[in-house]
Amino acid sequence: MPVDSHLRFDVDGRAVEVVDDGASLLEVLRDRLGVRGPKDGCSPQGQCGCCTVLVDGEPRVACVTPARRVAGRAITTVDGLGTRAGRWADAFCATGASQCGFCTPGIVVRLDALRAAGTAVDDVARVERALLAHLCRCTGWRTILNAWRAFDDDDALGAARDFAAASRRATIEGGIAQRVAPDVALGRGGFADDTAPPDALVAVTDGRGGWAVAETLSDARRAAAKVQGRRTTVAATAPLAPPPGSWDVTLSTQWVEPAYLETDASWCEPGGAPVSPLANGGAFGGKAATDVARVARELADTHGRAVRVVYSREDAVRRGAKRPPIGAGMRADGTGVVRVARTPGIAAAISAYAPSITVEEVDVAGPPTSIALRAAGWAEAAVLLAGARRDTSEVVAPNGARASATIDGDGVHVRVAAGVPLDDVVLRSYCIGAAHMALGWVTSEGIAVDEGGEPHDLTIRSFGVLRAVDTPPITVEIEPDDREPRNGSDAVFAATAAAVWVAQGCPPTFPTQRTLR
């Protein structure tokens, strides 16, 4: 008898049938069935949780699940949660637990499974453990725990919001147009790879400076001989030593991966305009120089068909811009020397904040760097000044926003003045996320880069981003401020980094490998 080459299973309550060609469940859902709720943040590493679905009611990471293993079973995505999906969307929006909305569909699925299993609302420890299967770069985890609690709170979910004002605040904080609404938490923010035509060709990097183009993602990756990401055993080190001199503090920082969850993607029709890879979030400046839109246009014109261009997680690490590492010495009188990886605009960014600092740009073998990343240059200057003076009273950003942070046994406490808030929920969410990023920058984040400049830590879990269980409580007080609205989260990032470093005694290297929890 002939072997049946088709798979049959249920997706969100409907029976489906697909060819069994060895694809993962995630690729089948997204590319064969058009179910775009589950996201691809690291496929096939199985480490970010963005593609989480339920298989017969149990959470599973779809990118490492072969589709043939779910034959005859029931798959539930975020779009199949029924009225509960809307409830979760309201909870996430009301608490600021979603910003770009890329990681949250998988988190919503996980939380819904916890609720179905009878997890108590106040069992925060269990929720934090469940979130170990996920990575969220934007929100700092605390708001997600707030959303877990708010799910049953009709008053919290029914509070009136001006989403136009909220979106304006999100755009100011993210640096690019961003929409705030409940459906964003369900992954409906209009991400580039979600909007690609189903018959588009797929292009991936071929590892030789070109692009492998095929009918499907798995075919393109096979043609490119994609190498699975890895976490190296090589220790991450700071590439620049502090300059010689008599200093009150010295600081050397490592290569840091921005770790945005939505990897670079674009698509284009022949002769058309490519879709922006910055659909609903700015990636903290990490995608400012990405080439995917240009390549999508060129390949579409070459092939005479729509082409999707997608980075793998490994591509994002190898090709994406990093925060310029420094080696610096600082005195309490404000004078010092910062040696920094040569980066266009970095000297001006440092000098504008602290004119008394001498900047020495140095050629360092490594991945590309950029000042587009959050507060690059001036945040380092603010941290060094605070450390040398042991003064963390306030950071004033170049745009005039003000922030301060204190560290104690109860966590991180932030004060911020960023003009008219427009929407307190969004401003607080961005500030919590910025504090979380600062905590990681100081204490845990860094990737190994060899002497030839090649990154070796290529898995999303190797970047050192703080997990929910490692993140202390973060509170934000928004000060009255009648000035024009301005970005406040960058000031919070710098102020929190300074406060954490000083609280830890100003160790000479980031990350310090010292936790606050």
Protein backbone atom coordinates (compact mmCIF):
# COMPACT_ATOMS: atom_id res chain seq x y z
CA MET A 1 0.00 0.00 0.00
CA PRO A 2 1.29 3.55 -0.70
CA VAL A 3 2.50 5.53 2.32
CA ASP A 4 0.20 8.42 3.23
CA SER A 5 2.34 11.55 2.81
CA HIS A 6 -0.20 13.86 4.43
CA LEU A 7 -0.73 14.88 8.04
CA ARG A 8 -4.14 15.52 9.57
CA PHE A 9 -4.75 17.36 12.81
CA ASP A 10 -6.92 20.15 14.25
CA VAL A 11 -5.83 23.79 14.51
CA ASP A 12 -7.95 26.13 16.59
CA GLY A 13 -10.97 23.86 16.19
CA ARG A 14 -10.74 23.20 12.46
CA ALA A 15 -9.49 20.07 10.74
CA VAL A 16 -6.48 20.60 8.49
CA GLU A 17 -4.39 18.45 6.17
CA VAL A 18 -0.86 19.24 5.05
CA VAL A 19 1.92 17.49 3.18
CA ASP A 20 4.36 15.71 5.45
CA ASP A 21 7.65 17.10 4.15
CA GLY A 22 9.57 17.16 7.43
CA ALA A 23 8.74 20.77 8.31
CA SER A 24 8.37 21.95 11.88
CA LEU A 25 4.96 22.62 13.37
CA LEU A 26 5.77 26.33 13.39
CA GLU A 27 6.55 26.43 9.68
CA VAL A 28 3.42 24.45 8.89
CA LEU A 29 1.26 26.79 10.95
CA ARG A 30 2.71 30.02 9.63
CA ASP A 31 3.69 29.24 6.04
CA ARG A 32 1.32 26.46 4.98
CA LEU A 33 -1.80 27.30 6.96
CA GLY A 34 -1.42 31.07 7.34
CA VAL A 35 -1.76 30.95 11.14
CA ARG A 36 0.48 33.85 12.10
CA GLY A 37 -0.23 34.11 15.84
CA PRO A 38 2.80 32.01 16.81
CA LYS A 39 6.00 33.94 16.08
CA ASP A 40 9.48 32.88 14.97
CA GLY A 41 12.03 34.50 17.27
CA CYS A 42 14.80 31.88 17.31
CA SER A 43 13.76 28.88 15.15
CA PRO A 44 14.90 26.20 15.50
CA GLN A 45 16.61 26.95 18.81
CA GLY A 46 13.45 26.45 20.87
CA GLN A 47 14.57 29.04 23.41
CA CYS A 48 12.48 32.21 23.15
CA GLY A 49 8.94 30.86 23.61
CA CYS A 50 7.42 33.13 20.94
CA CYS A 51 6.05 30.13 19.04
CA THR A 52 4.34 28.48 22.05
CA VAL A 53 1.11 26.65 21.24
CA LEU A 54 -0.97 24.06 23.05
CA VAL A 55 -0.85 20.45 21.89
CA ASP A 56 -3.81 18.65 23.42
CA GLY A 57 -3.88 21.39 26.03
CA GLU A 58 -0.17 21.29 26.94
CA PRO A 59 2.24 24.13 26.07
CA ARG A 60 4.82 23.23 23.48
CA VAL A 61 7.43 25.15 21.53
CA ALA A 62 6.35 24.72 17.90
CA CYS A 63 9.69 25.52 16.23
CA VAL A 64 11.33 22.33 17.52
CA THR A 65 8.25 20.14 17.20
CA PRO A 66 8.16 18.18 13.92
CA ALA A 67 4.70 18.53 12.42
CA ARG A 68 4.41 14.77 12.02
CA ARG A 69 4.45 14.41 15.81
CA VAL A 70 1.11 16.18 16.16
CA ALA A 71 -0.78 14.02 13.65
CA GLY A 72 -4.27 13.35 14.99
CA ARG A 73 -3.90 15.86 17.80
CA ALA A 74 -5.45 19.25 18.65
CA ILE A 75 -3.35 22.40 18.29
CA THR A 76 -4.45 25.64 19.94
CA THR A 77 -2.74 28.92 19.12
CA VAL A 78 -3.38 32.32 20.63
CA ASP A 79 -6.08 32.79 17.99
CA GLY A 80 -7.94 29.71 19.25
CA LEU A 81 -8.38 30.81 22.85
CA GLY A 82 -11.80 32.26 22.13
CA THR A 83 -13.10 34.93 24.49
CA ARG A 84 -10.17 34.31 26.83
CA ALA A 85 -7.83 35.74 24.19
CA GLY A 86 -9.70 39.04 24.33
CA ARG A 87 -9.56 39.00 28.10
CA TRP A 88 -5.81 38.45 28.07
CA ALA A 89 -5.41 41.17 25.45
CA ASP A 90 -7.25 43.63 27.68
CA ALA A 91 -5.16 42.59 30.70
CA PHE A 92 -1.88 43.00 28.84
CA CYS A 93 -2.89 46.35 27.42
CA ALA A 94 -4.21 47.67 30.74
CA THR A 95 -0.97 46.86 32.56
CA GLY A 96 1.53 47.74 29.83
CA ALA A 97 2.56 44.09 29.54
CA SER A 98 2.89 44.36 25.77
CA GLN A 99 4.90 46.86 23.75
CA CYS A 100 5.83 45.58 20.29
CA GLY A 101 3.62 42.50 20.85
CA PHE A 102 5.96 39.94 19.31
CA CYS A 103 6.69 37.73 22.30
CA THR A 104 3.32 38.09 24.00
CA PRO A 105 1.19 35.66 21.93
CA GLY A 106 3.29 32.77 23.20
CA ILE A 107 3.23 34.14 26.74
CA VAL A 108 -0.56 34.51 26.62
CA VAL A 109 -0.87 30.87 25.57
CA ARG A 110 1.38 29.82 28.46
CA LEU A 111 -0.54 31.90 30.99
CA ASP A 112 -3.87 30.59 29.75
CA ALA A 113 -2.65 27.04 30.25
CA LEU A 114 -1.64 27.93 33.80
CA ARG A 115 -5.11 29.31 34.47
CA ALA A 116 -6.69 26.19 33.03
CA ALA A 117 -4.51 24.10 35.35
CA GLY A 118 -5.89 25.96 38.36
CA THR A 119 -2.85 28.10 39.23
CA ALA A 120 -3.81 30.58 41.94
CA VAL A 121 -3.77 34.26 41.08
CA ASP A 122 -1.30 34.97 43.89
CA ASP A 123 1.06 32.11 42.95
CA VAL A 124 3.53 34.49 41.33
CA ALA A 125 6.45 32.13 41.89
CA ARG A 126 4.83 29.48 39.70
CA VAL A 127 4.15 32.04 36.99
CA GLU A 128 7.76 33.20 37.07
CA ARG A 129 8.94 29.61 36.72
CA ALA A 130 6.62 29.09 33.76
CA LEU A 131 8.06 32.21 32.14
CA LEU A 132 11.49 30.56 32.12
CA ALA A 133 10.37 29.12 28.78
CA HIS A 134 10.08 32.64 27.36
CA LEU A 135 12.13 35.73 26.62
CA CYS A 136 10.68 39.23 26.58
CA ARG A 137 12.99 42.15 25.88
CA CYS A 138 10.54 45.06 26.10
CA THR A 139 8.54 44.84 29.30
CA GLY A 140 10.84 43.80 32.13
CA TRP A 141 8.54 40.95 33.22
CA ARG A 142 6.91 42.86 36.09
CA THR A 143 4.11 44.14 33.88
CA ILE A 144 3.43 40.61 32.64
CA LEU A 145 2.95 39.49 36.24
CA ASN A 146 0.59 42.45 36.65
CA ALA A 147 -1.37 41.22 33.63
CA TRP A 148 -1.62 37.77 35.20
CA ARG A 149 -3.24 39.34 38.27
CA ALA A 150 -5.44 41.72 36.26
CA PHE A 151 -7.08 38.97 34.18
CA ASP A 152 -9.96 38.68 36.67
CA ASP A 153 -10.14 42.37 37.57
CA ASP A 154 -13.08 43.90 35.72
CA ASP A 155 -12.32 47.38 37.06
CA ALA A 156 -8.71 47.28 35.81
CA LEU A 157 -9.73 45.99 32.39
CA GLY A 158 -12.57 48.46 32.01
CA ALA A 159 -10.59 51.62 32.73
CA ALA A 160 -10.91 54.24 30.00
CA ARG A 161 -7.82 54.82 27.84
CA ASP A 162 -6.96 57.21 25.04
CA PHE A 163 -5.15 54.81 22.72
CA ALA A 164 -4.11 57.60 20.37
CA ALA A 165 -2.28 59.29 23.24
CA ALA A 166 -0.90 55.95 24.39
CA SER A 167 0.39 55.25 20.89
CA ARG A 168 2.00 58.68 20.77
CA ARG A 169 3.86 57.98 24.01
CA ALA A 170 4.94 54.55 22.72
CA THR A 171 6.23 56.19 19.54
CA ILE A 172 8.24 58.71 21.56
CA GLU A 173 9.75 55.99 23.73
CA GLY A 174 10.38 53.50 20.92
CA GLY A 175 11.64 56.02 18.42
CA ILE A 176 9.37 54.76 15.64
CA ALA A 177 5.63 54.69 14.99
CA GLN A 178 4.04 52.21 17.35
CA ARG A 179 0.40 51.31 17.96
CA VAL A 180 -1.06 50.61 21.39
CA ALA A 181 -4.25 48.54 21.50
CA PRO A 182 -5.40 45.25 23.05
CA ASP A 183 -4.95 43.23 19.87
CA VAL A 184 -1.24 44.12 19.77
CA ALA A 185 -0.69 41.72 22.67
CA LEU A 186 -2.11 38.93 20.50
CA GLY A 187 0.59 39.51 17.89
CA ARG A 188 -1.45 41.61 15.50
CA GLY A 189 0.89 44.56 15.28
CA GLY A 190 1.52 44.07 11.56
CA PHE A 191 4.97 42.48 11.64
CA ALA A 192 6.67 42.27 8.27
CA ASP A 193 6.86 38.48 8.10
CA ASP A 194 3.21 38.16 9.14
CA THR A 195 2.02 40.19 6.16
CA ALA A 196 4.01 38.41 3.44
CA PRO A 197 1.99 36.75 0.64
CA PRO A 198 1.71 32.96 1.11
CA ASP A 199 3.25 32.29 -2.32
CA ALA A 200 6.30 34.51 -1.80
CA LEU A 201 9.74 33.03 -2.31
CA VAL A 202 11.86 32.88 0.83
CA ALA A 203 15.44 34.16 1.02
CA VAL A 204 17.95 33.48 3.79
CA THR A 205 21.64 34.24 4.10
CA ASP A 206 23.79 31.52 2.57
CA GLY A 207 26.84 32.05 4.79
CA ARG A 208 28.98 33.04 1.82
CA GLY A 209 27.90 36.64 1.41
CA GLY A 210 24.85 35.85 -0.70
CA TRP A 211 21.29 34.65 -0.39
CA ALA A 212 19.65 31.24 -0.80
CA VAL A 213 16.19 31.57 -2.36
CA ALA A 214 13.57 28.81 -2.40
CA GLU A 215 9.85 28.13 -2.32
CA THR A 216 9.78 27.43 1.44
CA LEU A 217 11.74 28.44 4.50
CA SER A 218 12.95 24.90 5.15
CA ASP A 219 14.05 24.53 1.51
CA ALA A 220 15.92 27.84 1.66
CA ARG A 221 17.66 26.84 4.88
CA ARG A 222 18.64 23.48 3.42
CA ALA A 223 20.06 25.21 0.36
CA ALA A 224 22.05 27.52 2.61
CA ALA A 225 23.21 24.64 4.83
CA LYS A 226 22.12 26.63 7.87
CA VAL A 227 24.25 25.89 10.93
CA GLN A 228 22.36 25.57 14.19
CA GLY A 229 23.15 28.27 16.74
CA ARG A 230 25.31 27.41 19.69
CA ARG A 231 26.44 28.70 23.04
CA THR A 232 30.19 28.67 23.23
CA THR A 233 32.38 27.50 26.07
CA VAL A 234 34.72 30.40 25.33
CA ALA A 235 34.47 33.05 28.04
CA ALA A 236 33.10 36.43 27.08
CA THR A 237 35.64 39.16 27.78
CA ALA A 238 35.85 42.94 27.55
CA PRO A 239 37.87 43.81 24.43
CA LEU A 240 39.23 47.15 25.70
CA ALA A 241 41.28 47.74 28.84
CA PRO A 242 41.02 51.07 30.67
CA PRO A 243 43.67 53.62 29.72
CA PRO A 244 46.64 54.01 32.06
CA GLY A 245 46.23 56.72 34.67
CA SER A 246 45.16 57.56 38.19
CA TRP A 247 41.40 57.04 38.30
CA ASP A 248 38.65 56.99 40.89
CA VAL A 249 36.85 54.31 38.85
CA THR A 250 37.60 52.23 35.78
CA LEU A 251 35.12 50.38 33.60
CA SER A 252 35.40 47.93 30.71
CA THR A 253 32.24 46.70 28.98
CA GLN A 254 31.67 43.68 26.76
CA TRP A 255 29.97 43.11 23.44
CA VAL A 256 26.23 43.23 24.17
CA GLU A 257 23.52 41.81 21.91
CA PRO A 258 20.37 43.99 21.66
CA ALA A 259 18.34 40.74 21.72
CA TYR A 260 15.22 42.09 20.08
CA LEU A 261 12.78 39.21 19.60
CA GLU A 262 11.48 39.93 16.10
CA THR A 263 14.44 39.11 13.90
CA ASP A 264 15.00 41.25 10.80
CA ALA A 265 12.49 40.55 8.02
CA SER A 266 10.99 42.24 5.00
CA TRP A 267 9.22 41.34 1.78
CA CYS A 268 8.63 43.03 -1.52
CA GLU A 269 6.75 42.65 -4.79
CA PRO A 270 8.69 43.24 -8.03
CA GLY A 271 8.99 46.98 -8.56
CA GLY A 272 7.26 47.68 -5.28
CA ALA A 273 8.23 49.23 -1.97
CA PRO A 274 9.63 46.77 0.57
CA VAL A 275 7.78 46.33 3.86
CA SER A 276 9.55 47.92 6.80
CA PRO A 277 11.26 45.58 9.26
CA LEU A 278 10.24 48.08 11.95
CA ALA A 279 6.56 47.25 11.87
CA ASN A 280 5.60 47.91 15.49
CA GLY A 281 8.82 48.53 17.35
CA GLY A 282 12.25 50.04 16.90
CA ALA A 283 14.33 47.11 18.22
CA PHE A 284 16.11 49.56 20.57
CA GLY A 285 17.98 50.89 17.54
CA GLY A 286 19.33 47.45 16.66
CA LYS A 287 17.75 47.36 13.20
CA ALA A 288 18.65 50.90 12.16
CA ALA A 289 21.09 49.67 9.50
CA THR A 290 19.52 46.33 8.55
CA ASP A 291 19.72 45.38 4.88
CA VAL A 292 16.65 43.14 4.60
CA ALA A 293 14.38 45.71 2.92
CA ARG A 294 16.95 46.54 0.26
CA VAL A 295 17.63 42.86 -0.40
CA ALA A 296 13.91 42.08 -0.62
CA ARG A 297 13.49 44.68 -3.36
CA GLU A 298 16.54 43.47 -5.29
CA LEU A 299 15.56 39.80 -5.13
CA ALA A 300 11.94 40.49 -6.02
CA ASP A 301 13.06 42.34 -9.13
CA THR A 302 15.52 39.57 -10.00
CA HIS A 303 13.03 36.71 -9.61
CA GLY A 304 9.93 38.51 -10.83
CA ARG A 305 8.00 37.36 -7.75
CA ALA A 306 7.36 38.50 -4.23
CA VAL A 307 10.29 37.58 -1.98
CA ARG A 308 10.46 37.31 1.81
CA VAL A 309 13.87 37.98 3.31
CA VAL A 310 14.31 36.68 6.85
CA TYR A 311 17.21 36.62 9.27
CA SER A 312 17.71 33.64 11.51
CA ARG A 313 18.63 34.33 15.11
CA GLU A 314 22.23 33.51 14.22
CA ASP A 315 22.14 36.08 11.39
CA ALA A 316 20.90 38.76 13.78
CA VAL A 317 23.81 38.07 16.13
CA ARG A 318 26.47 38.00 13.41
CA ARG A 319 25.19 40.90 11.31
CA GLY A 320 23.29 43.09 13.77
CA ALA A 321 24.76 46.18 15.45
CA LYS A 322 26.07 45.97 18.99
CA ARG A 323 26.60 48.55 21.71
CA PRO A 324 30.16 49.90 21.31
CA PRO A 325 32.33 48.39 24.09
CA ILE A 326 34.47 50.75 26.15
CA GLY A 327 37.52 50.76 28.41
CA ALA A 328 37.46 53.89 30.57
CA GLY A 329 39.00 55.68 33.53
CA MET A 330 37.19 58.46 35.40
CA ARG A 331 37.94 60.96 38.16
CA ALA A 332 35.50 62.56 40.56
CA ASP A 333 36.22 66.01 39.07
CA GLY A 334 34.58 64.85 35.82
CA THR A 335 37.76 64.34 33.82
CA GLY A 336 38.56 61.00 32.30
CA VAL A 337 39.40 59.02 29.20
CA VAL A 338 37.06 56.67 27.36
CA ARG A 339 38.53 54.24 24.87
CA VAL A 340 35.69 53.02 22.66
CA ALA A 341 35.26 50.80 19.61
CA ARG A 342 35.34 53.05 16.57
CA THR A 343 31.74 53.95 15.77
CA PRO A 344 30.40 56.89 13.73
CA GLY A 345 29.02 59.51 16.11
CA ILE A 346 30.10 57.87 19.37
CA ALA A 347 32.70 60.49 20.31
CA ALA A 348 30.16 63.28 19.85
CA ALA A 349 27.56 61.39 21.92
CA ILE A 350 29.98 61.02 24.83
CA SER A 351 31.39 64.53 24.63
CA ALA A 352 27.97 66.15 24.38
CA TYR A 353 27.04 64.68 27.76
CA ALA A 354 30.44 65.08 29.44
CA PRO A 355 32.72 67.53 27.59
CA SER A 356 35.55 66.96 30.07
CA ILE A 357 35.91 63.33 28.96
CA THR A 358 38.59 62.62 26.36
CA VAL A 359 37.38 60.09 23.80
CA GLU A 360 39.81 57.75 22.05
CA GLU A 361 38.28 55.67 19.27
CA VAL A 362 39.99 52.32 18.75
CA ASP A 363 39.74 49.79 15.95
CA VAL A 364 38.45 46.56 17.49
CA ALA A 365 37.78 43.35 15.59
CA GLY A 366 34.17 42.45 16.15
CA PRO A 367 30.59 42.76 14.96
CA PRO A 368 29.24 46.12 13.74
CA THR A 369 28.48 48.79 16.33
CA SER A 370 26.04 51.69 16.33
CA ILE A 371 25.08 54.75 18.37
CA ALA A 372 21.45 54.05 17.45
CA LEU A 373 21.21 51.58 20.32
CA ARG A 374 19.55 52.86 23.46
CA ALA A 375 21.47 55.88 24.85
CA ALA A 376 24.76 54.58 23.43
CA GLY A 377 27.69 56.72 24.50
CA TRP A 378 26.01 59.22 26.75
CA ALA A 379 24.67 56.51 29.10
CA GLU A 380 28.22 55.23 29.54
CA ALA A 381 29.31 58.78 30.36
CA ALA A 382 26.49 59.16 32.90
CA VAL A 383 27.41 55.85 34.55
CA LEU A 384 31.09 56.77 34.78
CA LEU A 385 30.35 60.19 36.29
CA ALA A 386 27.97 58.71 38.84
CA GLY A 387 30.49 56.03 39.78
CA ALA A 388 33.43 58.38 40.15
CA ARG A 389 31.41 60.77 42.30
CA ARG A 390 29.34 58.07 44.02
CA ASP A 391 26.39 60.29 43.16
CA THR A 392 23.26 58.74 41.68
CA SER A 393 20.90 61.58 42.53
CA GLU A 394 19.70 62.26 38.98
CA VAL A 395 20.52 61.73 35.32
CA VAL A 396 19.49 64.41 32.83
CA ALA A 397 19.32 63.03 29.30
CA PRO A 398 20.40 65.10 26.29
CA ASN A 399 16.71 65.65 25.49
CA GLY A 400 16.06 67.09 28.98
CA ALA A 401 14.29 64.09 30.49
CA ARG A 402 15.26 63.46 34.09
CA ALA A 403 15.47 60.17 35.95
CA SER A 404 16.85 58.75 39.16
CA ALA A 405 16.96 55.25 40.57
CA THR A 406 17.58 53.76 44.01
CA ILE A 407 18.36 50.18 44.91
CA ASP A 408 17.32 48.50 48.15
CA GLY A 409 16.11 45.20 49.50
CA ASP A 410 12.71 45.78 47.94
CA GLY A 411 14.05 46.20 44.41
CA VAL A 412 14.59 49.09 42.01
CA HIS A 413 12.76 52.37 42.51
CA VAL A 414 12.67 54.80 39.60
CA ARG A 415 11.56 58.41 39.31
CA VAL A 416 11.14 59.94 35.88
CA ALA A 417 10.12 63.30 34.41
CA ALA A 418 9.56 63.08 30.66
CA GLY A 419 7.19 65.91 29.86
CA VAL A 420 3.45 65.42 29.77
CA PRO A 421 3.01 61.64 30.27
CA LEU A 422 0.19 61.29 27.68
CA ASP A 423 -0.44 57.77 29.02
CA ASP A 424 0.92 56.69 32.40
CA VAL A 425 0.59 52.98 31.62
CA VAL A 426 2.77 53.16 28.52
CA LEU A 427 5.39 55.45 30.05
CA ARG A 428 5.64 53.23 33.13
CA SER A 429 5.92 50.10 30.95
CA TYR A 430 8.78 51.55 28.92
CA CYS A 431 10.58 52.70 32.05
CA ILE A 432 10.27 49.26 33.66
CA GLY A 433 11.59 47.71 30.47
CA ALA A 434 14.49 50.17 30.39
CA ALA A 435 15.33 49.41 34.02
CA HIS A 436 15.31 45.69 33.25
CA MET A 437 17.65 46.25 30.30
CA ALA A 438 19.98 48.34 32.47
CA LEU A 439 20.04 45.64 35.14
CA GLY A 440 21.09 43.11 32.52
CA TRP A 441 23.69 45.40 30.95
CA VAL A 442 25.40 45.91 34.31
CA THR A 443 25.02 42.45 35.85
CA SER A 444 24.57 39.68 33.30
CA GLU A 445 24.70 40.48 29.58
CA GLY A 446 27.58 39.84 27.19
CA ILE A 447 28.54 37.59 24.29
CA ALA A 448 31.83 35.94 23.41
CA VAL A 449 33.63 37.39 20.39
CA ASP A 450 36.92 35.86 19.25
CA GLU A 451 40.11 37.71 18.32
CA GLY A 452 39.05 37.68 14.69
CA GLY A 453 35.83 39.50 15.56
CA GLU A 454 33.45 36.55 15.12
CA PRO A 455 30.60 36.20 17.67
CA HIS A 456 30.44 32.74 19.23
CA ASP A 457 27.36 32.99 21.45
CA LEU A 458 24.59 32.46 18.92
CA THR A 459 21.69 31.13 20.99
CA ILE A 460 19.17 33.53 22.44
CA ARG A 461 19.71 32.11 25.93
CA SER A 462 23.44 32.84 25.77
CA PHE A 463 22.99 36.63 25.70
CA GLY A 464 22.47 36.88 29.46
CA VAL A 465 19.11 38.68 29.38
CA LEU A 466 17.61 38.59 32.87
CA ARG A 467 14.81 36.07 33.29
CA ALA A 468 11.62 36.77 35.21
CA VAL A 469 12.89 34.81 38.23
CA ASP A 470 16.06 36.96 38.30
CA THR A 471 14.36 40.35 37.91
CA PRO A 472 13.66 42.23 41.13
CA PRO A 473 10.53 44.31 41.64
CA ILE A 474 10.72 47.59 39.72
CA THR A 475 8.56 50.55 40.71
CA VAL A 476 8.22 53.74 38.69
CA GLU A 477 7.08 57.13 39.96
CA ILE A 478 6.15 59.58 37.21
CA GLU A 479 6.85 63.15 38.31
CA PRO A 480 4.50 65.96 37.25
CA ASP A 481 6.00 67.65 34.20
CA ASP A 482 4.19 70.08 31.92
CA ARG A 483 6.92 70.25 29.28
CA GLU A 484 6.53 68.78 25.82
CA PRO A 485 6.60 64.96 25.92
CA ARG A 486 10.05 63.45 25.41
CA ASN A 487 11.65 60.03 25.66
CA GLY A 488 12.07 59.17 29.33
CA SER A 489 13.05 55.50 29.21
CA ASP A 490 16.57 56.23 27.97
CA ALA A 491 17.16 58.42 31.01
CA VAL A 492 15.79 55.61 33.19
CA PHE A 493 18.18 53.18 31.50
CA ALA A 494 21.19 55.36 32.32
CA ALA A 495 20.01 56.18 35.84
CA THR A 496 19.29 52.55 36.72
CA ALA A 497 22.62 51.36 35.34
CA ALA A 498 24.43 54.00 37.39
CA ALA A 499 22.51 53.14 40.56
CA VAL A 500 23.13 49.41 40.21
CA TRP A 501 26.84 49.88 39.49
CA VAL A 502 27.33 52.19 42.46
CA ALA A 503 25.29 49.93 44.74
CA GLN A 504 27.59 47.06 43.81
CA GLY A 505 30.73 49.07 44.57
CA CYS A 506 31.64 49.94 40.96
CA PRO A 507 33.25 46.66 39.83
CA PRO A 508 35.67 47.32 36.94
CA THR A 509 33.89 45.18 34.33
CA PHE A 510 30.37 44.81 32.93
CA PRO A 511 28.71 42.40 33.39
CA THR A 512 29.46 42.22 37.09
CA GLN A 513 27.83 38.77 37.44
CA ARG A 514 26.22 40.00 40.64
CA THR A 515 22.46 39.71 40.92
CA LEU A 516 20.03 41.89 42.84
CA ARG A 517 17.71 39.05 43.66
